Amino acid sequence: MKKPLAQNWPKPDLETLDREIGSRMHRLSAGRASAQDASEASKLIRDRADFMMPGIFQRLSTGGQKKKAG
């Protein structure tokens, strides 16, 4: 039997990130996660936020440094 087309089509970047985050969160909630899974989940969440709102986090981090210097 043929595979559904949805499985054959390329996945958007956001969907790929969501699947990876879901996989890591599932391991964390099941208690089977390693320290590497936790750090990768954190990185993926930051990547997703940056993908959704590019540049906002860079502006916030550079804005905080300007306030400290001034």
N, C-alpha and C. Protein backbone atom coordinates (compact mmCIF):
# COMPACT_ATOMS: atom_id res chain seq x y z
N MET A 1 0.84 -1.18 0.00
CA MET A 1 0.00 0.00 0.00
C MET A 1 0.88 1.25 0.00
N LYS A 2 0.43 2.28 -0.69
CA LYS A 2 1.21 3.52 -0.77
C LYS A 2 1.20 4.26 0.57
N LYS A 3 2.31 4.95 0.83
CA LYS A 3 2.38 5.78 2.02
C LYS A 3 1.58 7.07 1.77
N PRO A 4 0.98 7.64 2.81
CA PRO A 4 0.29 8.91 2.61
C PRO A 4 1.25 10.00 2.16
N LEU A 5 0.75 10.92 1.37
CA LEU A 5 1.59 11.99 0.85
C LEU A 5 2.18 12.86 1.95
N ALA A 6 1.46 13.04 3.03
CA ALA A 6 1.94 13.91 4.11
C ALA A 6 3.27 13.43 4.67
N GLN A 7 3.52 12.14 4.65
CA GLN A 7 4.78 11.62 5.15
C GLN A 7 5.91 11.81 4.14
N ASN A 8 5.57 11.92 2.87
CA ASN A 8 6.58 12.06 1.83
C ASN A 8 6.98 13.51 1.60
N TRP A 9 6.13 14.44 1.92
CA TRP A 9 6.42 15.85 1.67
C TRP A 9 7.48 16.35 2.62
N PRO A 10 8.29 17.30 2.20
CA PRO A 10 9.27 17.88 3.13
C PRO A 10 8.56 18.62 4.26
N LYS A 11 9.10 18.49 5.44
CA LYS A 11 8.51 19.13 6.61
C LYS A 11 9.03 20.55 6.76
N PRO A 12 8.17 21.49 7.12
CA PRO A 12 8.66 22.84 7.37
C PRO A 12 9.60 22.86 8.58
N ASP A 13 10.46 23.85 8.62
CA ASP A 13 11.44 23.94 9.71
C ASP A 13 10.77 23.99 11.07
N LEU A 14 9.68 24.72 11.19
CA LEU A 14 9.00 24.85 12.47
C LEU A 14 8.43 23.51 12.93
N GLU A 15 7.87 22.75 12.02
CA GLU A 15 7.32 21.44 12.38
C GLU A 15 8.43 20.50 12.84
N THR A 16 9.57 20.57 12.18
CA THR A 16 10.71 19.75 12.58
C THR A 16 11.17 20.12 13.98
N LEU A 17 11.25 21.42 14.27
CA LEU A 17 11.62 21.86 15.62
C LEU A 17 10.61 21.37 16.65
N ASP A 18 9.32 21.49 16.33
CA ASP A 18 8.27 21.05 17.26
C ASP A 18 8.37 19.56 17.55
N ARG A 19 8.66 18.76 16.53
CA ARG A 19 8.79 17.32 16.74
C ARG A 19 9.99 17.00 17.63
N GLU A 20 11.11 17.68 17.41
CA GLU A 20 12.29 17.46 18.24
C GLU A 20 12.03 17.89 19.68
N ILE A 21 11.38 19.02 19.86
CA ILE A 21 11.06 19.50 21.21
C ILE A 21 10.13 18.50 21.89
N GLY A 22 9.14 18.02 21.16
CA GLY A 22 8.20 17.04 21.72
C GLY A 22 8.90 15.76 22.15
N SER A 23 9.84 15.32 21.34
CA SER A 23 10.59 14.11 21.67
C SER A 23 11.39 14.30 22.95
N ARG A 24 12.08 15.43 23.06
CA ARG A 24 12.89 15.71 24.27
C ARG A 24 11.99 15.87 25.49
N MET A 25 10.86 16.57 25.34
CA MET A 25 9.96 16.78 26.47
C MET A 25 9.33 15.47 26.93
N HIS A 26 9.07 14.58 25.98
CA HIS A 26 8.52 13.28 26.34
C HIS A 26 9.51 12.50 27.21
N ARG A 27 10.78 12.53 26.83
CA ARG A 27 11.80 11.86 27.65
C ARG A 27 11.92 12.50 29.03
N LEU A 28 11.86 13.84 29.07
CA LEU A 28 11.96 14.53 30.35
C LEU A 28 10.78 14.17 31.26
N SER A 29 9.57 14.19 30.70
CA SER A 29 8.39 13.91 31.53
C SER A 29 8.32 12.45 31.95
N ALA A 30 8.90 11.56 31.16
CA ALA A 30 8.90 10.13 31.51
C ALA A 30 10.01 9.79 32.49
N GLY A 31 10.92 10.73 32.72
CA GLY A 31 12.02 10.47 33.65
C GLY A 31 13.16 9.68 33.02
N ARG A 32 13.22 9.63 31.69
CA ARG A 32 14.26 8.87 31.01
C ARG A 32 15.29 9.78 30.35
N ALA A 33 15.26 11.06 30.66
CA ALA A 33 16.13 12.02 29.97
C ALA A 33 17.51 12.07 30.61
N SER A 34 18.47 12.33 29.75
CA SER A 34 19.83 12.55 30.22
C SER A 34 20.05 14.06 30.33
N ALA A 35 21.18 14.44 30.87
CA ALA A 35 21.50 15.87 30.95
C ALA A 35 21.60 16.47 29.56
N GLN A 36 22.08 15.69 28.61
CA GLN A 36 22.18 16.17 27.23
C GLN A 36 20.79 16.43 26.64
N ASP A 37 19.81 15.56 26.95
CA ASP A 37 18.45 15.79 26.47
C ASP A 37 17.89 17.10 27.02
N ALA A 38 18.17 17.38 28.28
CA ALA A 38 17.67 18.61 28.89
C ALA A 38 18.31 19.84 28.24
N SER A 39 19.59 19.80 28.01
CA SER A 39 20.25 20.96 27.40
C SER A 39 19.83 21.12 25.94
N GLU A 40 19.64 20.02 25.23
CA GLU A 40 19.18 20.11 23.85
C GLU A 40 17.75 20.64 23.78
N ALA A 41 16.91 20.24 24.72
CA ALA A 41 15.54 20.75 24.76
C ALA A 41 15.55 22.26 24.97
N SER A 42 16.38 22.75 25.87
CA SER A 42 16.49 24.18 26.11
C SER A 42 16.95 24.92 24.86
N LYS A 43 17.94 24.35 24.18
CA LYS A 43 18.46 24.98 22.96
C LYS A 43 17.39 24.99 21.88
N LEU A 44 16.64 23.89 21.72
CA LEU A 44 15.60 23.83 20.71
C LEU A 44 14.49 24.84 20.99
N ILE A 45 14.15 25.02 22.26
CA ILE A 45 13.12 25.99 22.62
C ILE A 45 13.58 27.40 22.28
N ARG A 46 14.85 27.71 22.58
CA ARG A 46 15.39 29.03 22.21
C ARG A 46 15.43 29.21 20.69
N ASP A 47 15.80 28.15 19.97
CA ASP A 47 15.82 28.20 18.50
C ASP A 47 14.43 28.45 17.94
N ARG A 48 13.42 27.81 18.53
CA ARG A 48 12.05 27.99 18.05
C ARG A 48 11.58 29.42 18.29
N ALA A 49 11.88 29.94 19.46
CA ALA A 49 11.49 31.33 19.75
C ALA A 49 12.18 32.29 18.79
N ASP A 50 13.44 32.05 18.52
CA ASP A 50 14.18 32.90 17.59
C ASP A 50 13.63 32.76 16.17
N PHE A 51 13.19 31.55 15.81
CA PHE A 51 12.61 31.33 14.49
C PHE A 51 11.29 32.08 14.35
N MET A 52 10.50 32.10 15.42
CA MET A 52 9.19 32.76 15.37
C MET A 52 9.32 34.29 15.41
N MET A 53 10.29 34.79 16.16
CA MET A 53 10.46 36.24 16.32
C MET A 53 11.93 36.58 16.14
N PRO A 54 12.44 36.52 14.92
CA PRO A 54 13.88 36.75 14.72
C PRO A 54 14.28 38.16 15.13
N GLY A 55 15.40 38.24 15.78
CA GLY A 55 15.96 39.53 16.13
C GLY A 55 15.50 40.11 17.46
N ILE A 56 14.37 39.69 17.97
CA ILE A 56 13.86 40.28 19.22
C ILE A 56 14.79 39.97 20.37
N PHE A 57 15.23 38.72 20.47
CA PHE A 57 16.09 38.35 21.59
C PHE A 57 17.46 38.97 21.47
N GLN A 58 17.95 39.16 20.25
CA GLN A 58 19.22 39.85 20.07
C GLN A 58 19.09 41.30 20.53
N ARG A 59 17.99 41.97 20.16
CA ARG A 59 17.80 43.36 20.56
C ARG A 59 17.68 43.50 22.07
N LEU A 60 16.98 42.55 22.69
CA LEU A 60 16.83 42.61 24.14
C LEU A 60 18.17 42.41 24.84
N SER A 61 18.97 41.48 24.33
CA SER A 61 20.26 41.23 24.99
C SER A 61 21.22 42.39 24.75
N THR A 62 21.24 42.99 23.58
CA THR A 62 22.13 44.11 23.34
C THR A 62 21.60 45.37 24.03
N GLY A 63 20.29 45.50 24.15
CA GLY A 63 19.71 46.63 24.84
C GLY A 63 20.07 46.64 26.31
N GLY A 64 20.10 45.44 26.92
CA GLY A 64 20.48 45.33 28.33
C GLY A 64 21.93 45.68 28.55
N GLN A 65 22.79 45.37 27.58
CA GLN A 65 24.20 45.68 27.71
C GLN A 65 24.43 47.18 27.57
N LYS A 66 23.66 47.84 26.72
CA LYS A 66 23.82 49.28 26.56
C LYS A 66 23.42 50.02 27.83
N LYS A 67 22.36 49.52 28.49
CA LYS A 67 21.91 50.17 29.73
C LYS A 67 22.98 50.05 30.82
N LYS A 68 23.61 48.89 30.91
CA LYS A 68 24.63 48.68 31.93
C LYS A 68 25.85 49.55 31.67
N ALA A 69 26.20 49.73 30.42
CA ALA A 69 27.39 50.50 30.08
C ALA A 69 27.14 52.00 30.27
N GLY A 70 25.90 52.44 30.09
CA GLY A 70 25.59 53.88 30.13
C GLY A 70 25.32 54.37 31.46
